[in-house]
Amino acid sequence: MPVLTAFYGGLLALLFLGLSLNVIRLRYHYRVAFGYEGPLPLQRAIRGQANFAEYVPLTLLLLLCLELLGGPAWALHGAGLCLLAGRLAHGICFACLESAAPLRMGGMLLTFASLAIAAIGNLVMATSRMF
């Protein structure tokens, strides 16, 4: 059972829900029904939500594969925590702050670390079973 992936997936889904509700709140506040046009705070919120949607699914899929291949719990927790912390930092940067380059960069670095851990873990586990 992929318990660790389910755990991190659940936490990330709640974070995505928060980002989505923030976009809805800003759309209502600025009276922008659809699209990417509108004041900068709305554009930033939309971009933060979209960036989450671009990175999280692939990384969660890789975590699931790694867990199903029997990857070590430390690698799964490492990747899961990096992804959660990275997306939280990035989301705060886009949802709550006007500009926070260090927080944005830190969030992306943690997200990339998570993606790399999961990708390399999958390659190691898969190749050890292929040959």
N, C-alpha and C. Protein backbone atom coordinates (compact mmCIF):
# COMPACT_ATOMS: atom_id res chain seq x y z
N MET A 1 0.82 -1.18 0.00
CA MET A 1 0.00 0.00 0.00
C MET A 1 0.87 1.26 0.00
N PRO A 2 0.62 2.17 -0.90
CA PRO A 2 1.42 3.41 -0.98
C PRO A 2 0.99 4.45 0.05
N VAL A 3 1.23 4.16 1.31
CA VAL A 3 0.77 5.00 2.42
C VAL A 3 1.47 6.36 2.43
N LEU A 4 2.77 6.37 2.19
CA LEU A 4 3.50 7.65 2.24
C LEU A 4 3.08 8.57 1.11
N THR A 5 2.90 8.03 -0.07
CA THR A 5 2.43 8.86 -1.18
C THR A 5 1.04 9.41 -0.89
N ALA A 6 0.18 8.57 -0.32
CA ALA A 6 -1.17 9.02 0.03
C ALA A 6 -1.11 10.14 1.06
N PHE A 7 -0.22 10.03 2.04
CA PHE A 7 -0.08 11.05 3.07
C PHE A 7 0.35 12.38 2.47
N TYR A 8 1.43 12.37 1.68
CA TYR A 8 1.91 13.62 1.08
C TYR A 8 0.92 14.14 0.04
N GLY A 9 0.28 13.24 -0.68
CA GLY A 9 -0.74 13.66 -1.65
C GLY A 9 -1.90 14.37 -0.97
N GLY A 10 -2.31 13.87 0.19
CA GLY A 10 -3.40 14.50 0.93
C GLY A 10 -3.02 15.90 1.41
N LEU A 11 -1.81 16.04 1.95
CA LEU A 11 -1.35 17.35 2.41
C LEU A 11 -1.23 18.33 1.24
N LEU A 12 -0.69 17.86 0.13
CA LEU A 12 -0.53 18.72 -1.04
C LEU A 12 -1.88 19.11 -1.62
N ALA A 13 -2.85 18.20 -1.58
CA ALA A 13 -4.19 18.53 -2.07
C ALA A 13 -4.82 19.65 -1.24
N LEU A 14 -4.60 19.63 0.07
CA LEU A 14 -5.11 20.70 0.93
C LEU A 14 -4.44 22.03 0.59
N LEU A 15 -3.15 21.99 0.32
CA LEU A 15 -2.43 23.20 -0.08
C LEU A 15 -2.97 23.72 -1.41
N PHE A 16 -3.20 22.82 -2.36
CA PHE A 16 -3.75 23.22 -3.65
C PHE A 16 -5.14 23.83 -3.48
N LEU A 17 -5.92 23.26 -2.58
CA LEU A 17 -7.24 23.81 -2.29
C LEU A 17 -7.13 25.23 -1.77
N GLY A 18 -6.18 25.47 -0.88
CA GLY A 18 -5.96 26.82 -0.36
C GLY A 18 -5.57 27.80 -1.46
N LEU A 19 -4.66 27.38 -2.34
CA LEU A 19 -4.26 28.24 -3.46
C LEU A 19 -5.45 28.53 -4.38
N SER A 20 -6.26 27.51 -4.61
CA SER A 20 -7.43 27.67 -5.48
C SER A 20 -8.46 28.61 -4.87
N LEU A 21 -8.70 28.46 -3.58
CA LEU A 21 -9.65 29.36 -2.91
C LEU A 21 -9.16 30.80 -2.92
N ASN A 22 -7.85 30.98 -2.82
CA ASN A 22 -7.29 32.33 -2.90
C ASN A 22 -7.54 32.95 -4.28
N VAL A 23 -7.38 32.15 -5.33
CA VAL A 23 -7.66 32.65 -6.69
C VAL A 23 -9.13 33.03 -6.81
N ILE A 24 -9.99 32.19 -6.31
CA ILE A 24 -11.43 32.48 -6.37
C ILE A 24 -11.75 33.76 -5.60
N ARG A 25 -11.16 33.90 -4.41
CA ARG A 25 -11.39 35.10 -3.59
C ARG A 25 -10.95 36.36 -4.35
N LEU A 26 -9.77 36.29 -4.97
CA LEU A 26 -9.27 37.46 -5.71
C LEU A 26 -10.08 37.72 -6.98
N ARG A 27 -10.53 36.68 -7.65
CA ARG A 27 -11.38 36.88 -8.83
C ARG A 27 -12.67 37.61 -8.42
N TYR A 28 -13.24 37.19 -7.31
CA TYR A 28 -14.46 37.84 -6.82
C TYR A 28 -14.16 39.29 -6.43
N HIS A 29 -13.07 39.48 -5.71
CA HIS A 29 -12.70 40.82 -5.24
C HIS A 29 -12.49 41.79 -6.40
N TYR A 30 -11.78 41.34 -7.43
CA TYR A 30 -11.47 42.21 -8.58
C TYR A 30 -12.49 42.10 -9.71
N ARG A 31 -13.50 41.25 -9.52
CA ARG A 31 -14.56 41.06 -10.52
C ARG A 31 -13.99 40.63 -11.88
N VAL A 32 -13.15 39.60 -11.82
CA VAL A 32 -12.56 39.01 -13.03
C VAL A 32 -13.05 37.57 -13.08
N ALA A 33 -13.96 37.28 -13.99
CA ALA A 33 -14.60 35.97 -14.02
C ALA A 33 -13.70 34.87 -14.59
N PHE A 34 -12.89 35.20 -15.60
CA PHE A 34 -12.05 34.16 -16.22
C PHE A 34 -10.84 34.81 -16.87
N GLY A 35 -9.90 33.97 -17.25
CA GLY A 35 -8.71 34.46 -17.93
C GLY A 35 -7.62 34.87 -16.96
N TYR A 36 -6.54 35.37 -17.53
CA TYR A 36 -5.36 35.75 -16.75
C TYR A 36 -5.21 37.26 -16.63
N GLU A 37 -6.12 37.99 -17.18
CA GLU A 37 -6.05 39.45 -17.09
C GLU A 37 -6.52 39.89 -15.72
N GLY A 38 -6.11 41.07 -15.35
CA GLY A 38 -6.54 41.61 -14.08
C GLY A 38 -5.36 42.20 -13.32
N PRO A 39 -5.62 42.67 -12.12
CA PRO A 39 -4.56 43.27 -11.31
C PRO A 39 -3.46 42.26 -10.98
N LEU A 40 -2.29 42.78 -10.69
CA LEU A 40 -1.12 41.95 -10.43
C LEU A 40 -1.34 40.93 -9.31
N PRO A 41 -1.99 41.26 -8.20
CA PRO A 41 -2.20 40.23 -7.17
C PRO A 41 -2.97 39.01 -7.70
N LEU A 42 -3.94 39.25 -8.55
CA LEU A 42 -4.69 38.14 -9.14
C LEU A 42 -3.80 37.34 -10.09
N GLN A 43 -3.05 38.02 -10.91
CA GLN A 43 -2.15 37.32 -11.84
C GLN A 43 -1.14 36.46 -11.08
N ARG A 44 -0.61 36.99 -9.99
CA ARG A 44 0.36 36.24 -9.19
C ARG A 44 -0.29 35.01 -8.57
N ALA A 45 -1.50 35.16 -8.05
CA ALA A 45 -2.20 34.03 -7.44
C ALA A 45 -2.48 32.95 -8.47
N ILE A 46 -2.92 33.35 -9.65
CA ILE A 46 -3.19 32.39 -10.73
C ILE A 46 -1.91 31.66 -11.11
N ARG A 47 -0.82 32.39 -11.24
CA ARG A 47 0.46 31.79 -11.62
C ARG A 47 0.97 30.83 -10.55
N GLY A 48 0.78 31.21 -9.28
CA GLY A 48 1.20 30.33 -8.19
C GLY A 48 0.42 29.03 -8.19
N GLN A 49 -0.87 29.12 -8.41
CA GLN A 49 -1.71 27.93 -8.48
C GLN A 49 -1.34 27.07 -9.68
N ALA A 50 -1.12 27.71 -10.82
CA ALA A 50 -0.76 26.97 -12.03
C ALA A 50 0.60 26.30 -11.89
N ASN A 51 1.54 26.98 -11.27
CA ASN A 51 2.86 26.40 -11.08
C ASN A 51 2.77 25.16 -10.21
N PHE A 52 1.95 25.20 -9.20
CA PHE A 52 1.70 24.04 -8.35
C PHE A 52 1.18 22.89 -9.21
N ALA A 53 0.19 23.20 -10.05
CA ALA A 53 -0.42 22.17 -10.90
C ALA A 53 0.55 21.62 -11.93
N GLU A 54 1.58 22.36 -12.26
CA GLU A 54 2.57 21.91 -13.24
C GLU A 54 3.58 20.94 -12.64
N TYR A 55 3.95 21.13 -11.40
CA TYR A 55 5.03 20.33 -10.80
C TYR A 55 4.56 19.18 -9.92
N VAL A 56 3.49 19.37 -9.20
CA VAL A 56 3.09 18.38 -8.20
C VAL A 56 2.64 17.05 -8.80
N PRO A 57 1.81 17.02 -9.84
CA PRO A 57 1.35 15.72 -10.33
C PRO A 57 2.49 14.78 -10.76
N LEU A 58 3.44 15.27 -11.51
CA LEU A 58 4.54 14.41 -11.95
C LEU A 58 5.35 13.92 -10.76
N THR A 59 5.63 14.81 -9.81
CA THR A 59 6.43 14.42 -8.66
C THR A 59 5.68 13.41 -7.81
N LEU A 60 4.38 13.60 -7.61
CA LEU A 60 3.60 12.61 -6.86
C LEU A 60 3.55 11.27 -7.59
N LEU A 61 3.46 11.30 -8.90
CA LEU A 61 3.47 10.06 -9.67
C LEU A 61 4.79 9.32 -9.48
N LEU A 62 5.89 10.08 -9.51
CA LEU A 62 7.20 9.46 -9.28
C LEU A 62 7.31 8.91 -7.86
N LEU A 63 6.76 9.62 -6.88
CA LEU A 63 6.76 9.11 -5.51
C LEU A 63 5.96 7.81 -5.41
N LEU A 64 4.83 7.77 -6.07
CA LEU A 64 4.02 6.56 -6.07
C LEU A 64 4.78 5.40 -6.68
N CYS A 65 5.41 5.62 -7.82
CA CYS A 65 6.19 4.56 -8.46
C CYS A 65 7.32 4.09 -7.55
N LEU A 66 8.02 5.04 -6.94
CA LEU A 66 9.11 4.70 -6.04
C LEU A 66 8.62 3.88 -4.86
N GLU A 67 7.50 4.28 -4.30
CA GLU A 67 6.96 3.52 -3.17
C GLU A 67 6.53 2.12 -3.60
N LEU A 68 5.90 2.01 -4.76
CA LEU A 68 5.48 0.69 -5.25
C LEU A 68 6.66 -0.21 -5.61
N LEU A 69 7.78 0.41 -5.99
CA LEU A 69 8.99 -0.36 -6.28
C LEU A 69 9.74 -0.76 -5.01
N GLY A 70 9.26 -0.30 -3.87
CA GLY A 70 9.90 -0.65 -2.61
C GLY A 70 11.03 0.27 -2.23
N GLY A 71 10.98 1.50 -2.71
CA GLY A 71 12.02 2.48 -2.38
C GLY A 71 12.10 2.73 -0.89
N PRO A 72 13.25 3.17 -0.43
CA PRO A 72 13.43 3.39 1.01
C PRO A 72 12.56 4.53 1.54
N ALA A 73 12.07 4.34 2.75
CA ALA A 73 11.19 5.34 3.36
C ALA A 73 11.89 6.69 3.48
N TRP A 74 13.19 6.69 3.75
CA TRP A 74 13.90 7.97 3.91
C TRP A 74 13.87 8.77 2.61
N ALA A 75 13.96 8.08 1.46
CA ALA A 75 13.92 8.78 0.17
C ALA A 75 12.52 9.32 -0.09
N LEU A 76 11.52 8.53 0.25
CA LEU A 76 10.14 8.97 0.06
C LEU A 76 9.81 10.16 0.96
N HIS A 77 10.22 10.07 2.21
CA HIS A 77 9.99 11.19 3.12
C HIS A 77 10.80 12.42 2.69
N GLY A 78 12.02 12.19 2.28
CA GLY A 78 12.85 13.32 1.83
C GLY A 78 12.22 14.03 0.66
N ALA A 79 11.80 13.26 -0.34
CA ALA A 79 11.17 13.87 -1.51
C ALA A 79 9.82 14.49 -1.15
N GLY A 80 9.04 13.81 -0.34
CA GLY A 80 7.73 14.33 0.05
C GLY A 80 7.83 15.62 0.85
N LEU A 81 8.75 15.65 1.81
CA LEU A 81 8.92 16.86 2.62
C LEU A 81 9.46 18.01 1.79
N CYS A 82 10.41 17.72 0.89
CA CYS A 82 10.95 18.78 0.01
C CYS A 82 9.84 19.35 -0.87
N LEU A 83 9.02 18.45 -1.42
CA LEU A 83 7.93 18.91 -2.28
C LEU A 83 6.93 19.75 -1.48
N LEU A 84 6.54 19.28 -0.32
CA LEU A 84 5.58 20.01 0.50
C LEU A 84 6.14 21.37 0.92
N ALA A 85 7.36 21.38 1.43
CA ALA A 85 7.97 22.65 1.86
C ALA A 85 8.18 23.59 0.69
N GLY A 86 8.62 23.05 -0.44
CA GLY A 86 8.85 23.87 -1.63
C GLY A 86 7.58 24.49 -2.17
N ARG A 87 6.53 23.72 -2.23
CA ARG A 87 5.27 24.24 -2.74
C ARG A 87 4.64 25.20 -1.75
N LEU A 88 4.83 24.97 -0.46
CA LEU A 88 4.32 25.89 0.54
C LEU A 88 5.04 27.24 0.44
N ALA A 89 6.36 27.21 0.35
CA ALA A 89 7.14 28.45 0.23
C ALA A 89 6.76 29.19 -1.04
N HIS A 90 6.68 28.47 -2.13
CA HIS A 90 6.33 29.08 -3.41
C HIS A 90 4.91 29.64 -3.37
N GLY A 91 4.00 28.90 -2.77
CA GLY A 91 2.61 29.35 -2.68
C GLY A 91 2.47 30.60 -1.83
N ILE A 92 3.20 30.65 -0.70
CA ILE A 92 3.16 31.85 0.15
C ILE A 92 3.70 33.04 -0.61
N CYS A 93 4.78 32.81 -1.35
CA CYS A 93 5.38 33.89 -2.13
C CYS A 93 4.37 34.48 -3.11
N PHE A 94 3.65 33.63 -3.81
CA PHE A 94 2.72 34.12 -4.83
C PHE A 94 1.38 34.56 -4.27
N ALA A 95 0.93 33.94 -3.20
CA ALA A 95 -0.41 34.24 -2.68
C ALA A 95 -0.43 35.39 -1.69
N CYS A 96 0.65 35.56 -0.95
CA CYS A 96 0.60 36.50 0.18
C CYS A 96 1.56 37.67 0.10
N LEU A 97 2.57 37.57 -0.72
CA LEU A 97 3.60 38.59 -0.74
C LEU A 97 3.67 39.28 -2.09
N GLU A 98 4.06 40.52 -2.07
CA GLU A 98 4.20 41.28 -3.32
C GLU A 98 5.42 40.80 -4.10
N SER A 99 6.50 40.56 -3.38
CA SER A 99 7.72 40.08 -4.01
C SER A 99 8.60 39.46 -2.94
N ALA A 100 9.04 38.25 -3.17
CA ALA A 100 9.92 37.56 -2.22
C ALA A 100 10.79 36.59 -3.00
N ALA A 101 11.74 37.14 -3.74
CA ALA A 101 12.59 36.31 -4.60
C ALA A 101 13.28 35.18 -3.84
N PRO A 102 13.84 35.40 -2.64
CA PRO A 102 14.49 34.29 -1.94
C PRO A 102 13.51 33.16 -1.60
N LEU A 103 12.30 33.51 -1.19
CA LEU A 103 11.29 32.49 -0.88
C LEU A 103 10.89 31.73 -2.14
N ARG A 104 10.73 32.45 -3.22
CA ARG A 104 10.38 31.82 -4.50
C ARG A 104 11.49 30.89 -4.96
N MET A 105 12.73 31.37 -4.89
CA MET A 105 13.86 30.54 -5.31
C MET A 105 14.00 29.31 -4.41
N GLY A 106 13.84 29.51 -3.10
CA GLY A 106 13.92 28.39 -2.18
C GLY A 106 12.84 27.36 -2.46
N GLY A 107 11.65 27.83 -2.74
CA GLY A 107 10.56 26.93 -3.07
C GLY A 107 10.83 26.11 -4.32
N MET A 108 11.37 26.77 -5.32
CA MET A 108 11.68 26.05 -6.56
C MET A 108 12.83 25.07 -6.36
N LEU A 109 13.85 25.46 -5.59
CA LEU A 109 14.97 24.55 -5.33
C LEU A 109 14.50 23.31 -4.58
N LEU A 110 13.63 23.49 -3.60
CA LEU A 110 13.10 22.33 -2.88
C LEU A 110 12.24 21.46 -3.78
N THR A 111 11.46 22.09 -4.65
CA THR A 111 10.65 21.32 -5.60
C THR A 111 11.53 20.53 -6.56
N PHE A 112 12.58 21.17 -7.07
CA PHE A 112 13.51 20.48 -7.96
C PHE A 112 14.23 19.35 -7.23
N ALA A 113 14.59 19.57 -5.97
CA ALA A 113 15.24 18.52 -5.18
C ALA A 113 14.31 17.32 -5.04
N SER A 114 13.04 17.58 -4.78
CA SER A 114 12.06 16.51 -4.67
C SER A 114 11.93 15.74 -5.97
N LEU A 115 11.84 16.47 -7.05
CA LEU A 115 11.73 15.84 -8.37
C LEU A 115 12.97 15.00 -8.67
N ALA A 116 14.13 15.52 -8.34
CA ALA A 116 15.38 14.79 -8.59
C ALA A 116 15.48 13.54 -7.72
N ILE A 117 15.15 13.65 -6.43
CA ILE A 117 15.20 12.50 -5.53
C ILE A 117 14.28 11.40 -6.05
N ALA A 118 13.06 11.78 -6.40
CA ALA A 118 12.08 10.79 -6.89
C ALA A 118 12.52 10.19 -8.22
N ALA A 119 13.03 11.01 -9.12
CA ALA A 119 13.46 10.50 -10.43
C ALA A 119 14.64 9.56 -10.29
N ILE A 120 15.65 9.96 -9.55
CA ILE A 120 16.84 9.12 -9.37
C ILE A 120 16.48 7.85 -8.61
N GLY A 121 15.65 7.98 -7.59
CA GLY A 121 15.20 6.80 -6.86
C GLY A 121 14.50 5.80 -7.76
N ASN A 122 13.65 6.28 -8.64
CA ASN A 122 12.97 5.40 -9.59
C ASN A 122 13.95 4.73 -10.53
N LEU A 123 14.90 5.50 -11.03
CA LEU A 123 15.90 4.93 -11.95
C LEU A 123 16.72 3.84 -11.26
N VAL A 124 17.13 4.09 -10.03
CA VAL A 124 17.92 3.10 -9.29
C VAL A 124 17.09 1.85 -9.04
N MET A 125 15.88 2.03 -8.53
CA MET A 125 15.03 0.88 -8.22
C MET A 125 14.65 0.10 -9.48
N ALA A 126 14.33 0.81 -10.54
CA ALA A 126 13.92 0.14 -11.78
C ALA A 126 15.07 -0.62 -12.42
N THR A 127 16.24 0.02 -12.49
CA THR A 127 17.37 -0.66 -13.15
C THR A 127 17.86 -1.84 -12.32
N SER A 128 17.69 -1.78 -11.00
CA SER A 128 18.12 -2.92 -10.18
C SER A 128 17.23 -4.14 -10.42
N ARG A 129 16.03 -3.91 -10.93
CA ARG A 129 15.12 -5.01 -11.21
C ARG A 129 15.12 -5.42 -12.68
N MET A 130 15.66 -4.56 -13.54
CA MET A 130 15.64 -4.85 -14.97
C MET A 130 16.71 -5.84 -15.37
N PHE A 131 17.83 -5.81 -14.69
CA PHE A 131 18.97 -6.62 -15.13
C PHE A 131 19.33 -7.68 -14.11
